N, C-alpha and C. Protein backbone atom coordinates (compact mmCIF):
# COMPACT_ATOMS: atom_id res chain seq x y z
N MET A 1 0.81 -0.98 0.22
CA MET A 1 0.20 -0.01 -0.07
C MET A 1 0.99 1.05 -0.09
N ASN A 2 0.96 2.02 -1.02
CA ASN A 2 1.68 2.97 -1.03
C ASN A 2 1.22 4.36 -1.47
N ASP A 3 0.00 4.68 -1.13
CA ASP A 3 -0.83 5.61 -1.41
C ASP A 3 -0.74 6.91 -0.49
N GLY A 4 0.22 6.72 0.20
CA GLY A 4 0.48 7.85 1.02
C GLY A 4 -0.01 7.70 2.69
N ALA A 5 -1.12 6.74 2.78
CA ALA A 5 -1.29 6.58 4.11
C ALA A 5 -0.19 6.32 4.91
N GLU A 6 -0.35 6.35 6.32
CA GLU A 6 0.76 6.11 7.32
C GLU A 6 0.31 4.79 8.07
N ARG A 7 1.43 4.00 8.61
CA ARG A 7 0.88 2.62 9.34
C ARG A 7 1.86 2.82 10.46
N ARG A 8 1.08 2.41 11.45
CA ARG A 8 1.71 2.17 12.94
C ARG A 8 1.30 0.85 13.53
N PHE A 9 2.12 -0.09 14.29
CA PHE A 9 1.78 -0.91 14.98
C PHE A 9 1.59 -0.82 16.45
N THR A 10 0.55 -1.88 17.27
CA THR A 10 0.40 -1.70 18.40
C THR A 10 0.83 -2.79 19.16
N ARG A 11 1.55 -2.45 20.33
CA ARG A 11 2.11 -3.71 21.29
C ARG A 11 0.67 -4.40 21.98
N GLY A 12 0.08 -5.22 21.47
CA GLY A 12 -1.39 -5.70 22.10
C GLY A 12 -1.41 -6.94 21.14
N LEU A 13 -1.93 -7.93 21.63
CA LEU A 13 -2.01 -9.34 21.19
C LEU A 13 -3.21 -9.45 20.24
N VAL A 14 -3.24 -10.15 19.21
CA VAL A 14 -4.25 -10.64 18.51
C VAL A 14 -4.69 -11.85 18.97
N GLU A 15 -6.10 -12.13 19.15
CA GLU A 15 -6.59 -13.18 20.03
C GLU A 15 -7.51 -13.55 19.19
N VAL A 16 -8.14 -15.14 19.58
CA VAL A 16 -9.52 -15.53 19.05
C VAL A 16 -10.46 -14.94 19.95
N ARG A 17 -11.56 -14.47 19.50
CA ARG A 17 -12.35 -13.82 20.47
C ARG A 17 -13.69 -15.37 20.43
N ALA A 18 -14.22 -15.16 21.70
CA ALA A 18 -15.26 -16.36 22.23
C ALA A 18 -14.64 -17.59 22.29
N ALA A 19 -15.59 -18.56 22.61
CA ALA A 19 -14.98 -20.08 22.63
C ALA A 19 -15.50 -20.81 21.60
N GLY A 20 -15.20 -22.02 21.81
CA GLY A 20 -15.93 -23.08 20.97
C GLY A 20 -15.27 -22.93 19.26
N GLY A 21 -16.25 -22.69 18.38
CA GLY A 21 -16.21 -22.86 16.88
C GLY A 21 -15.84 -21.36 16.52
N SER A 22 -15.62 -20.37 17.23
CA SER A 22 -15.54 -18.91 16.60
C SER A 22 -14.54 -18.88 15.85
N ARG A 23 -14.98 -18.17 14.64
CA ARG A 23 -13.85 -17.73 13.72
C ARG A 23 -13.55 -16.39 13.59
N THR A 24 -13.48 -15.66 14.90
CA THR A 24 -13.64 -14.40 15.35
C THR A 24 -11.92 -13.97 15.75
N ILE A 25 -11.33 -13.12 15.31
CA ILE A 25 -10.17 -12.72 15.89
C ILE A 25 -10.31 -11.41 16.13
N GLY A 26 -9.29 -10.71 17.13
CA GLY A 26 -9.39 -9.24 17.17
C GLY A 26 -8.29 -8.65 18.36
N GLY A 27 -8.28 -7.51 18.50
CA GLY A 27 -7.29 -7.04 19.35
C GLY A 27 -7.68 -5.60 19.39
N TYR A 28 -6.56 -4.69 20.18
CA TYR A 28 -6.34 -3.42 19.87
C TYR A 28 -5.38 -3.04 18.97
N ALA A 29 -6.21 -2.27 17.73
CA ALA A 29 -5.19 -2.04 16.85
C ALA A 29 -4.50 -0.52 17.02
N ALA A 30 -5.07 0.06 17.88
CA ALA A 30 -4.47 1.51 18.58
C ALA A 30 -4.61 1.56 19.63
N LYS A 31 -3.76 2.04 20.61
CA LYS A 31 -3.65 2.78 21.83
C LYS A 31 -3.52 3.91 22.19
N PHE A 32 -4.27 4.70 23.26
CA PHE A 32 -4.09 5.96 23.33
C PHE A 32 -3.07 6.49 24.23
N ASN A 33 -2.76 7.87 24.18
CA ASN A 33 -1.90 8.32 25.08
C ASN A 33 -0.50 7.28 25.53
N GLN A 34 0.26 6.52 24.82
CA GLN A 34 1.13 5.83 24.83
C GLN A 34 2.10 6.35 23.66
N LEU A 35 3.38 6.64 24.25
CA LEU A 35 4.41 6.85 23.32
C LEU A 35 5.10 5.93 22.56
N SER A 36 5.05 5.79 21.23
CA SER A 36 5.49 5.11 20.51
C SER A 36 7.01 4.89 20.51
N ARG A 37 7.68 3.91 20.17
CA ARG A 37 9.03 3.76 20.11
C ARG A 37 9.65 5.09 19.07
N ASN A 38 10.97 5.04 18.95
CA ASN A 38 11.49 6.01 18.38
C ASN A 38 11.28 5.83 16.92
N LEU A 39 10.77 6.95 16.16
CA LEU A 39 10.46 6.60 14.69
C LEU A 39 11.24 7.47 13.93
N GLY A 40 12.61 7.75 14.51
CA GLY A 40 13.40 8.23 13.41
C GLY A 40 13.61 10.00 13.90
N GLY A 41 13.89 10.14 15.28
CA GLY A 41 14.42 11.61 15.67
C GLY A 41 13.02 11.95 16.68
N PHE A 42 11.95 11.29 16.56
CA PHE A 42 10.71 11.49 17.32
C PHE A 42 9.94 10.49 17.75
N VAL A 43 9.01 10.70 18.54
CA VAL A 43 8.05 9.61 18.82
C VAL A 43 6.83 10.22 18.81
N GLU A 44 5.62 9.12 18.98
CA GLU A 44 4.20 9.76 18.56
C GLU A 44 3.73 9.41 19.77
N ARG A 45 2.06 9.98 19.75
CA ARG A 45 1.03 9.48 20.77
C ARG A 45 -0.45 9.66 20.11
N ILE A 46 -1.16 8.87 20.35
CA ILE A 46 -2.55 9.02 19.68
C ILE A 46 -3.58 9.58 20.64
N ASP A 47 -4.17 10.74 20.10
CA ASP A 47 -5.19 11.35 20.97
C ASP A 47 -6.54 10.76 21.09
N PRO A 48 -7.27 10.42 22.07
CA PRO A 48 -8.60 9.50 22.28
C PRO A 48 -9.50 10.17 21.39
N GLY A 49 -9.38 11.54 20.61
CA GLY A 49 -10.24 11.88 19.67
C GLY A 49 -9.96 11.48 18.06
N PHE A 50 -8.74 11.12 18.08
CA PHE A 50 -8.07 10.82 16.77
C PHE A 50 -9.36 10.14 15.56
N PHE A 51 -9.95 9.14 16.18
CA PHE A 51 -10.73 8.06 15.30
C PHE A 51 -12.35 8.90 15.22
N ALA A 52 -12.25 10.28 15.77
CA ALA A 52 -14.12 10.72 16.00
C ALA A 52 -14.53 10.92 14.65
N LYS A 53 -13.77 11.24 13.84
CA LYS A 53 -14.33 11.60 12.34
C LYS A 53 -14.72 10.13 11.64
N SER A 54 -13.93 9.10 11.68
CA SER A 54 -14.36 7.81 11.08
C SER A 54 -15.49 7.39 11.88
N GLU A 55 -15.23 7.44 13.24
CA GLU A 55 -16.31 6.70 13.99
C GLU A 55 -17.81 7.28 13.57
N GLY A 56 -17.66 8.80 13.93
CA GLY A 56 -18.80 9.63 13.57
C GLY A 56 -19.54 9.30 12.06
N ASP A 57 -18.78 8.97 11.28
CA ASP A 57 -19.26 8.75 9.96
C ASP A 57 -19.72 7.32 9.62
N GLY A 58 -19.59 6.55 10.80
CA GLY A 58 -19.87 5.03 10.56
C GLY A 58 -18.59 4.20 9.84
N TRP A 59 -17.21 4.64 10.22
CA TRP A 59 -16.19 3.79 9.88
C TRP A 59 -16.27 3.44 8.39
N PRO A 60 -16.64 4.26 7.44
CA PRO A 60 -16.74 4.28 5.96
C PRO A 60 -15.38 3.67 5.23
N GLU A 61 -15.70 2.56 4.42
CA GLU A 61 -14.85 1.79 3.73
C GLU A 61 -13.72 1.37 4.36
N ALA A 62 -13.69 1.31 6.01
CA ALA A 62 -12.71 0.71 6.63
C ALA A 62 -12.72 -0.89 6.52
N MET A 63 -11.33 -1.42 6.48
CA MET A 63 -11.29 -2.95 6.17
C MET A 63 -10.35 -3.42 7.43
N ALA A 64 -10.29 -5.05 7.24
CA ALA A 64 -9.49 -5.75 8.13
C ALA A 64 -8.62 -6.49 6.91
N ARG A 65 -7.28 -6.33 6.86
CA ARG A 65 -6.39 -7.14 5.80
C ARG A 65 -5.16 -7.35 6.38
N TYR A 66 -4.99 -8.93 6.38
CA TYR A 66 -3.89 -9.38 6.77
C TYR A 66 -2.46 -8.85 6.18
N ASN A 67 -1.63 -8.30 7.06
CA ASN A 67 -0.52 -7.29 6.59
C ASN A 67 -0.85 -6.70 5.45
N HIS A 68 -1.96 -5.70 5.92
CA HIS A 68 -2.27 -4.74 4.88
C HIS A 68 -2.54 -5.31 3.42
N ASP A 69 -2.50 -6.34 3.18
CA ASP A 69 -2.42 -6.78 1.86
C ASP A 69 -4.03 -6.80 0.98
N ASP A 70 -4.01 -6.06 0.02
CA ASP A 70 -5.44 -6.27 -0.55
C ASP A 70 -5.88 -7.64 -1.17
N ASN A 71 -5.09 -8.44 -1.16
CA ASN A 71 -5.37 -9.80 -1.59
C ASN A 71 -5.62 -10.84 -0.47
N ARG A 72 -5.51 -10.24 0.87
CA ARG A 72 -5.74 -10.88 2.09
C ARG A 72 -6.73 -10.52 2.86
N LEU A 73 -7.80 -10.01 2.27
CA LEU A 73 -8.82 -9.36 2.63
C LEU A 73 -9.58 -10.51 4.14
N LEU A 74 -9.92 -9.81 5.21
CA LEU A 74 -10.40 -10.51 6.29
C LEU A 74 -11.86 -9.99 6.48
N GLY A 75 -12.48 -9.08 6.33
CA GLY A 75 -13.73 -8.36 6.54
C GLY A 75 -13.69 -6.55 6.36
N THR A 76 -14.92 -6.55 6.52
CA THR A 76 -15.19 -4.83 6.28
C THR A 76 -16.17 -4.41 7.04
N THR A 77 -16.30 -3.15 7.30
CA THR A 77 -17.45 -2.42 8.09
C THR A 77 -18.81 -2.42 7.33
N GLY A 78 -18.54 -2.47 6.26
CA GLY A 78 -19.76 -2.45 5.29
C GLY A 78 -20.61 -3.58 5.36
N ALA A 79 -19.71 -4.85 5.11
CA ALA A 79 -20.64 -6.01 5.38
C ALA A 79 -20.82 -6.38 6.59
N GLY A 80 -20.28 -5.70 7.81
CA GLY A 80 -20.77 -6.35 9.17
C GLY A 80 -19.72 -7.32 9.55
N THR A 81 -18.61 -7.94 8.81
CA THR A 81 -17.68 -8.83 9.22
C THR A 81 -16.39 -8.11 10.16
N LEU A 82 -16.68 -6.90 9.97
CA LEU A 82 -15.39 -6.06 10.60
C LEU A 82 -16.17 -5.19 11.58
N ARG A 83 -15.56 -5.14 12.92
CA ARG A 83 -16.42 -4.46 13.86
C ARG A 83 -15.49 -3.80 14.73
N LEU A 84 -15.36 -2.30 14.79
CA LEU A 84 -15.02 -1.47 15.33
C LEU A 84 -15.58 -0.63 16.70
N ALA A 85 -14.69 -0.53 17.71
CA ALA A 85 -15.35 0.28 19.04
C ALA A 85 -13.92 0.87 19.70
N VAL A 86 -14.30 2.16 19.95
CA VAL A 86 -13.42 3.14 20.79
C VAL A 86 -13.91 3.18 21.98
N ASP A 87 -12.67 2.78 22.95
CA ASP A 87 -12.87 3.14 24.54
C ASP A 87 -11.91 3.63 24.89
N ARG A 88 -11.62 3.82 26.30
CA ARG A 88 -10.77 4.82 26.80
C ARG A 88 -9.27 4.02 26.70
N THR A 89 -9.41 2.71 26.26
CA THR A 89 -7.71 2.30 26.01
C THR A 89 -7.46 2.57 24.84
N GLY A 90 -8.26 2.47 23.56
CA GLY A 90 -7.79 2.32 22.18
C GLY A 90 -8.98 2.26 21.12
N LEU A 91 -8.63 1.80 20.04
CA LEU A 91 -9.44 1.29 19.16
C LEU A 91 -9.30 -0.10 18.90
N ASP A 92 -10.52 -0.82 19.19
CA ASP A 92 -10.70 -2.13 19.37
C ASP A 92 -11.27 -2.84 17.88
N TYR A 93 -10.95 -3.77 17.71
CA TYR A 93 -11.44 -4.45 16.45
C TYR A 93 -11.74 -6.03 16.54
N SER A 94 -12.96 -6.91 16.02
CA SER A 94 -13.06 -7.73 15.95
C SER A 94 -13.60 -8.31 14.14
N VAL A 95 -13.23 -9.21 13.69
CA VAL A 95 -13.34 -9.30 12.54
C VAL A 95 -13.38 -10.85 12.53
N ASP A 96 -14.64 -11.39 11.50
CA ASP A 96 -14.73 -12.84 11.20
C ASP A 96 -14.22 -13.09 10.13
N VAL A 97 -13.14 -14.10 10.46
CA VAL A 97 -12.22 -14.65 9.22
C VAL A 97 -12.93 -15.43 8.63
N PRO A 98 -12.97 -15.34 7.05
CA PRO A 98 -13.53 -16.35 6.04
C PRO A 98 -12.84 -17.94 6.05
N ALA A 99 -13.45 -18.65 5.36
CA ALA A 99 -12.88 -19.55 5.14
C ALA A 99 -11.52 -20.02 4.46
N SER A 100 -11.69 -19.07 3.58
CA SER A 100 -10.48 -18.97 2.54
C SER A 100 -9.15 -18.61 3.20
N ARG A 101 -9.55 -18.03 4.53
CA ARG A 101 -7.99 -17.41 5.15
C ARG A 101 -7.99 -18.29 6.27
N GLU A 102 -8.15 -19.63 6.33
CA GLU A 102 -8.13 -20.70 7.46
C GLU A 102 -6.43 -20.28 7.89
N ASP A 103 -5.93 -20.31 7.23
CA ASP A 103 -4.28 -20.12 7.63
C ASP A 103 -4.10 -18.99 8.84
N VAL A 104 -4.71 -17.95 8.48
CA VAL A 104 -4.63 -16.57 9.48
C VAL A 104 -5.33 -17.09 10.76
N LEU A 105 -6.63 -17.74 10.86
CA LEU A 105 -7.03 -17.95 12.16
C LEU A 105 -6.23 -19.22 12.82
N GLU A 106 -5.58 -20.08 12.07
CA GLU A 106 -4.53 -20.86 12.61
C GLU A 106 -3.52 -20.34 13.18
N LEU A 107 -2.98 -19.10 12.37
CA LEU A 107 -1.78 -18.69 13.14
C LEU A 107 -1.95 -17.98 14.50
N VAL A 108 -3.24 -17.28 14.32
CA VAL A 108 -3.61 -16.77 15.68
C VAL A 108 -3.77 -17.75 16.71
N GLN A 109 -4.39 -18.81 16.61
CA GLN A 109 -4.58 -20.03 17.43
C GLN A 109 -3.34 -20.28 18.13
N ARG A 110 -2.30 -20.67 17.04
CA ARG A 110 -1.02 -21.09 17.72
C ARG A 110 -0.33 -20.20 18.31
N GLY A 111 -0.44 -19.19 18.10
CA GLY A 111 0.43 -17.87 18.75
C GLY A 111 1.54 -17.30 18.09
N ASP A 112 1.27 -17.73 16.44
CA ASP A 112 2.38 -17.16 15.70
C ASP A 112 2.07 -15.94 15.53
N LEU A 113 0.90 -15.57 15.11
CA LEU A 113 0.63 -14.46 14.77
C LEU A 113 0.01 -13.23 15.90
N GLN A 114 0.85 -12.47 16.50
CA GLN A 114 0.41 -11.66 17.70
C GLN A 114 0.04 -10.27 17.71
N ARG A 115 0.51 -9.59 16.57
CA ARG A 115 0.38 -8.19 16.60
C ARG A 115 -0.30 -7.53 15.68
N SER A 116 -0.88 -6.47 15.94
CA SER A 116 -1.63 -5.71 15.09
C SER A 116 -1.09 -4.29 14.71
N SER A 117 -1.73 -3.80 13.70
CA SER A 117 -1.23 -2.53 12.86
C SER A 117 -2.75 -1.69 12.44
N PHE A 118 -2.52 -0.77 12.19
CA PHE A 118 -3.75 0.17 11.57
C PHE A 118 -2.90 1.25 10.65
N ALA A 119 -3.80 1.46 9.31
CA ALA A 119 -3.29 2.44 8.58
C ALA A 119 -4.43 3.76 8.51
N PHE A 120 -3.79 4.75 8.23
CA PHE A 120 -4.74 5.89 8.44
C PHE A 120 -4.09 7.01 7.72
N TYR A 121 -5.05 8.04 7.48
CA TYR A 121 -4.70 9.49 6.93
C TYR A 121 -4.91 10.43 8.04
N THR A 122 -3.88 11.31 8.20
CA THR A 122 -3.87 12.30 9.28
C THR A 122 -4.53 13.63 8.83
N PHE A 123 -5.45 14.10 9.54
CA PHE A 123 -6.05 15.50 9.19
C PHE A 123 -5.54 16.57 9.96
N ASP A 124 -5.23 16.13 11.45
CA ASP A 124 -4.42 17.42 12.20
C ASP A 124 -3.51 16.64 13.15
N ASP A 125 -2.56 17.28 13.24
CA ASP A 125 -1.59 16.48 14.24
C ASP A 125 -0.91 17.80 15.28
N ASP A 126 -0.30 17.96 16.02
CA ASP A 126 0.62 18.57 16.88
C ASP A 126 1.97 18.27 17.18
N TRP A 127 2.98 19.40 17.36
CA TRP A 127 4.25 18.62 17.94
C TRP A 127 4.74 19.76 19.02
N GLY A 128 5.49 18.75 19.76
CA GLY A 128 6.08 19.62 21.19
C GLY A 128 7.13 18.49 21.83
N MET A 129 7.46 18.67 22.78
CA MET A 129 8.39 17.73 23.45
C MET A 129 7.97 17.27 24.86
N THR A 130 8.69 16.09 24.81
CA THR A 130 8.13 15.32 25.80
C THR A 130 8.90 16.01 27.09
N ASP A 131 8.52 15.62 28.41
CA ASP A 131 9.46 16.18 29.82
C ASP A 131 10.86 15.98 29.67
N ASP A 132 11.18 14.76 29.00
CA ASP A 132 12.65 14.41 28.73
C ASP A 132 13.23 15.28 27.52
N GLY A 133 12.53 16.18 27.06
CA GLY A 133 12.99 16.91 25.97
C GLY A 133 13.21 16.29 24.41
N PHE A 134 12.35 15.33 24.21
CA PHE A 134 12.45 14.57 23.06
C PHE A 134 11.39 14.92 22.18
N PRO A 135 11.35 15.31 21.00
CA PRO A 135 10.13 15.57 20.22
C PRO A 135 9.12 14.77 19.92
N VAL A 136 7.92 14.80 20.18
CA VAL A 136 6.71 14.28 20.03
C VAL A 136 5.75 14.71 19.22
N ARG A 137 5.15 14.02 18.25
CA ARG A 137 4.11 14.40 17.65
C ARG A 137 2.86 13.74 18.08
N THR A 138 1.74 14.37 18.31
CA THR A 138 0.61 13.92 18.83
C THR A 138 -0.71 13.83 17.57
N LEU A 139 -0.91 12.85 17.26
CA LEU A 139 -1.97 12.55 16.20
C LEU A 139 -3.61 12.86 16.79
N LEU A 140 -3.85 14.28 16.43
CA LEU A 140 -5.20 14.67 16.84
C LEU A 140 -6.46 14.24 15.97
N SER A 141 -6.26 14.02 14.77
CA SER A 141 -7.72 13.77 14.06
C SER A 141 -7.08 12.93 12.71
N GLY A 142 -7.86 11.94 12.17
CA GLY A 142 -7.69 11.41 10.87
C GLY A 142 -8.91 10.42 10.60
N ARG A 143 -8.37 9.59 9.40
CA ARG A 143 -9.40 8.69 8.88
C ARG A 143 -8.57 7.28 9.14
N LEU A 144 -9.46 6.34 9.33
CA LEU A 144 -8.96 5.14 9.44
C LEU A 144 -9.12 4.53 8.15
N VAL A 145 -8.09 3.51 7.62
CA VAL A 145 -8.05 3.00 6.31
C VAL A 145 -8.05 1.58 6.82
N ASP A 146 -7.43 0.72 7.33
CA ASP A 146 -7.65 -0.57 7.89
C ASP A 146 -7.03 -0.91 9.36
N VAL A 147 -7.44 -1.87 9.58
CA VAL A 147 -6.75 -2.77 10.55
C VAL A 147 -6.04 -3.86 10.25
N ALA A 148 -4.93 -4.47 10.66
CA ALA A 148 -4.54 -5.58 10.19
C ALA A 148 -3.58 -6.36 11.19
N PRO A 149 -3.81 -7.92 11.50
CA PRO A 149 -3.00 -8.43 12.13
C PRO A 149 -1.83 -8.42 11.23
N VAL A 150 -0.57 -8.41 11.62
CA VAL A 150 0.63 -8.52 10.88
C VAL A 150 1.64 -9.55 11.51
N ASN A 151 2.28 -9.83 10.52
CA ASN A 151 3.69 -10.69 11.11
C ASN A 151 4.88 -9.93 11.39
N THR A 152 5.30 -9.10 10.61
CA THR A 152 6.59 -7.92 11.12
C THR A 152 5.91 -6.60 11.41
N PRO A 153 5.53 -5.98 12.73
CA PRO A 153 5.21 -4.55 12.71
C PRO A 153 6.36 -3.81 12.62
N ALA A 154 7.02 -3.82 11.42
CA ALA A 154 8.05 -2.85 11.60
C ALA A 154 8.01 -1.84 10.42
N TYR A 155 7.23 -1.60 9.92
CA TYR A 155 6.87 -0.45 8.87
C TYR A 155 7.09 0.86 9.54
N LEU A 156 8.04 1.47 9.33
CA LEU A 156 8.22 2.88 9.80
C LEU A 156 8.22 3.91 8.69
N ASP A 157 7.38 4.26 8.06
CA ASP A 157 7.41 5.09 6.89
C ASP A 157 6.97 6.53 7.68
N THR A 158 7.76 7.48 8.08
CA THR A 158 7.38 8.35 8.57
C THR A 158 7.65 9.89 7.77
N SER A 159 7.37 9.67 6.57
CA SER A 159 7.63 10.80 5.85
C SER A 159 6.49 11.84 5.64
N THR A 160 5.12 11.39 6.13
CA THR A 160 4.06 12.21 6.39
C THR A 160 4.27 13.12 7.54
N GLY A 161 4.71 12.46 8.47
CA GLY A 161 5.24 13.04 9.85
C GLY A 161 5.98 14.48 9.74
N LEU A 162 7.23 13.69 8.85
CA LEU A 162 8.51 14.76 8.77
C LEU A 162 7.50 16.10 7.83
N ARG A 163 6.97 15.77 6.76
CA ARG A 163 6.27 17.05 6.02
C ARG A 163 5.50 17.66 6.74
N SER A 164 4.67 17.27 8.00
CA SER A 164 3.74 17.85 8.64
C SER A 164 4.81 18.88 9.63
N LEU A 165 5.95 18.47 10.06
CA LEU A 165 6.91 19.25 10.94
C LEU A 165 7.65 20.23 10.14
N ALA A 166 7.63 20.15 8.76
CA ALA A 166 8.28 20.95 7.91
C ALA A 166 7.49 22.23 7.93
N ALA A 167 6.05 21.81 7.73
CA ALA A 167 5.31 23.06 7.39
C ALA A 167 4.96 23.81 8.74
N ARG A 168 4.80 23.13 9.89
CA ARG A 168 4.64 23.91 10.91
C ARG A 168 5.72 24.53 11.15
N ALA A 169 6.88 24.43 10.62
CA ALA A 169 8.34 25.23 11.30
C ALA A 169 8.60 25.83 10.11
N GLY A 170 7.86 25.87 8.68
CA GLY A 170 8.34 26.81 7.82
C GLY A 170 9.53 26.75 7.15
N ALA A 171 9.94 25.05 7.32
CA ALA A 171 11.32 24.74 6.77
C ALA A 171 11.36 23.68 5.53
N ASP A 172 12.12 23.46 4.95
CA ASP A 172 12.06 22.64 3.84
C ASP A 172 12.24 21.45 4.29
N VAL A 173 11.25 20.21 3.77
CA VAL A 173 11.42 19.23 4.10
C VAL A 173 12.37 18.33 4.01
N THR A 174 13.42 18.56 2.82
CA THR A 174 14.87 17.97 3.01
C THR A 174 15.63 18.40 4.12
N GLU A 175 15.67 19.52 4.70
CA GLU A 175 16.12 19.79 5.84
C GLU A 175 15.63 19.10 6.98
N VAL A 176 14.27 19.11 7.04
CA VAL A 176 13.88 18.30 8.24
C VAL A 176 14.25 16.85 8.28
N ARG A 177 14.34 16.09 7.17
CA ARG A 177 14.50 14.66 7.08
C ARG A 177 15.80 14.75 7.44
N ALA A 178 16.90 15.52 6.77
CA ALA A 178 17.83 15.18 7.35
C ALA A 178 18.40 15.51 8.94
N ALA A 179 17.75 16.23 9.36
CA ALA A 179 17.63 16.50 10.95
C ALA A 179 17.13 15.36 11.84
N SER A 180 16.10 14.70 11.04
CA SER A 180 15.66 13.37 11.74
C SER A 180 16.60 12.32 11.62
N GLU A 181 17.33 12.18 10.50
CA GLU A 181 18.42 11.37 10.26
C GLU A 181 19.64 11.32 11.33
N ALA A 182 20.00 12.81 11.90
CA ALA A 182 20.81 13.03 12.87
C ALA A 182 20.26 13.06 14.09
N GLY A 183 19.13 12.72 14.58
CA GLY A 183 18.29 13.07 15.39
C GLY A 183 18.33 14.39 16.28
N ASP A 184 18.05 15.36 15.44
CA ASP A 184 17.85 16.59 15.74
C ASP A 184 16.88 17.74 15.56
N LEU A 185 15.57 16.75 15.40
CA LEU A 185 14.36 17.46 14.92
C LEU A 185 14.03 18.53 16.07
N LYS A 186 14.33 18.55 17.34
CA LYS A 186 14.09 19.53 18.45
C LYS A 186 14.42 20.91 18.06
N ARG A 187 15.50 21.38 17.21
CA ARG A 187 15.72 22.51 16.79
C ARG A 187 14.46 23.21 15.95
N PHE A 188 13.57 22.27 15.52
CA PHE A 188 12.48 22.80 14.74
C PHE A 188 11.29 22.91 15.53
N LEU A 189 11.25 22.95 16.84
CA LEU A 189 10.12 23.09 17.65
C LEU A 189 10.46 24.16 18.65
N ALA A 190 9.57 25.28 18.79
CA ALA A 190 9.63 26.08 19.83
C ALA A 190 9.33 25.85 21.02
N PRO A 191 10.53 26.19 22.19
CA PRO A 191 10.29 25.39 23.17
C PRO A 191 9.24 26.25 24.35
N THR A 192 8.62 27.69 23.52
CA THR A 192 7.51 28.20 24.66
C THR A 192 6.35 27.40 24.68
N ALA A 193 6.08 26.59 23.58
CA ALA A 193 4.76 25.80 23.58
C ALA A 193 4.92 24.51 23.72
N PRO A 194 5.55 23.67 24.25
CA PRO A 194 5.59 22.32 24.35
C PRO A 194 4.19 21.42 24.72
N THR A 195 4.20 20.23 24.19
CA THR A 195 3.14 19.30 24.33
C THR A 195 3.78 18.43 25.62
N MET A 196 3.66 18.74 26.76
CA MET A 196 4.26 17.64 28.05
C MET A 196 3.59 16.73 27.89
N ILE A 197 4.46 15.48 28.14
CA ILE A 197 3.93 14.16 28.41
C ILE A 197 4.66 13.60 29.63
N PRO A 198 4.14 13.24 30.66
CA PRO A 198 4.96 12.79 31.99
C PRO A 198 5.64 11.74 31.69
N PRO A 199 6.93 11.52 32.40
CA PRO A 199 7.74 10.36 32.14
C PRO A 199 7.05 9.15 32.00
N GLY A 200 7.66 8.35 31.53
CA GLY A 200 7.05 6.86 31.18
C GLY A 200 6.25 6.74 30.05
N GLY A 201 5.76 7.90 29.32
CA GLY A 201 4.84 7.76 28.33
C GLY A 201 3.41 7.89 28.30
N GLN A 202 2.90 7.73 29.31
CA GLN A 202 1.59 7.55 29.69
C GLN A 202 1.17 9.40 30.13
N GLY A 203 -0.01 9.63 29.39
CA GLY A 203 -0.64 10.95 29.57
C GLY A 203 -1.66 10.77 30.85
N ALA A 204 -2.24 11.95 31.29
CA ALA A 204 -3.03 11.76 32.28
C ALA A 204 -4.36 10.74 31.82
N PRO A 205 -5.18 10.23 32.58
CA PRO A 205 -6.13 9.58 32.52
C PRO A 205 -7.37 10.19 31.67
N HIS A 206 -7.92 9.63 30.71
CA HIS A 206 -9.04 10.34 29.82
C HIS A 206 -10.24 9.51 30.32
N PRO A 207 -11.10 10.14 31.04
CA PRO A 207 -12.58 9.44 31.63
C PRO A 207 -13.26 9.64 30.19
N LEU A 208 -13.87 8.55 30.03
CA LEU A 208 -14.87 8.28 28.92
C LEU A 208 -15.60 9.72 28.34
N THR A 209 -16.14 10.11 29.29
CA THR A 209 -17.01 11.39 29.08
C THR A 209 -15.95 12.52 28.82
N ALA A 210 -14.86 12.77 28.58
CA ALA A 210 -13.82 13.66 28.23
C ALA A 210 -13.84 13.07 26.74
N VAL A 211 -13.58 12.04 26.48
CA VAL A 211 -13.28 11.10 25.33
C VAL A 211 -14.54 11.72 24.34
N ARG A 212 -15.66 11.73 24.84
CA ARG A 212 -16.83 11.73 24.10
C ARG A 212 -17.16 13.40 23.81
N GLN A 213 -16.68 14.13 24.68
CA GLN A 213 -16.55 15.76 24.53
C GLN A 213 -15.57 15.79 23.24
N ARG A 214 -14.68 15.40 23.35
CA ARG A 214 -13.32 15.71 22.43
C ARG A 214 -13.94 14.90 21.12
N ARG A 215 -14.85 13.88 20.85
CA ARG A 215 -15.13 13.52 19.77
C ARG A 215 -16.05 14.42 19.46
N ALA A 216 -17.01 15.02 20.03
CA ALA A 216 -18.00 15.76 19.55
C ALA A 216 -17.21 17.06 18.94
N GLU A 217 -16.57 17.27 19.66
CA GLU A 217 -16.21 18.60 19.17
C GLU A 217 -15.30 18.74 18.00
N LEU A 218 -14.62 17.46 17.75
CA LEU A 218 -13.81 17.35 16.46
C LEU A 218 -14.88 17.28 15.48
N LEU A 219 -16.11 16.30 15.55
CA LEU A 219 -17.00 16.24 14.40
C LEU A 219 -17.66 17.76 14.24
N ARG A 220 -17.82 18.54 15.33
CA ARG A 220 -18.34 19.78 14.91
C ARG A 220 -17.40 20.57 14.23
N ARG A 221 -16.16 20.57 14.54
CA ARG A 221 -15.48 21.45 13.58
C ARG A 221 -15.19 20.86 12.12
N ARG A 222 -15.53 19.63 11.81
CA ARG A 222 -15.33 18.99 10.49
C ARG A 222 -16.82 19.41 9.72
N THR A 223 -17.61 19.52 10.22
CA THR A 223 -18.96 19.63 9.57
C THR A 223 -19.34 21.08 9.33
N LEU A 224 -18.51 21.97 10.01
CA LEU A 224 -18.64 23.63 10.08
C LEU A 224 -18.25 23.93 8.58
């Protein structure tokens, strides 16, 4: 998938849902307020309102695909074979695996397939610094493309994020990319308006009421 969408993986197990002869697998495709690993001179966190637009629109055209592969479709929201839910932890998915994908179900059952990923387009983001002085990108709103159980969750295409930082700083993207490779992105961030994240990578708890308010605010802004 080289259409400009970004992909990130989640440290959360894919599991078989329910007992007996269930063919449903699922897990968290994304988790809120957790710092990612180093993505090339910066880290990311996902705001609880990030999926508000997609959720409010009924998750249009969202899919589950094994390894993000069009040829390994597992389910869609349109057919009801993929179900998505947002809670205080993150974006949870459940997908009914078709008989033609028996290998995917078996890999999950055996524990060979354990990680999830999601693909997305970003509408709005913000940049700041952690308490430790490391650049952090906060994903504020976007559109979900797909969720995916994956073999190797190591896809780190950060070009979109670097373009966002370049636009914010009024800098050339080539210069920002070179600074990313040198681990020197902080020079593009104004120290007077940081996005502060407590040590350990966890933001303050977000009650469900606050999450709903954030979603409502984002939806209102998108429909103006």
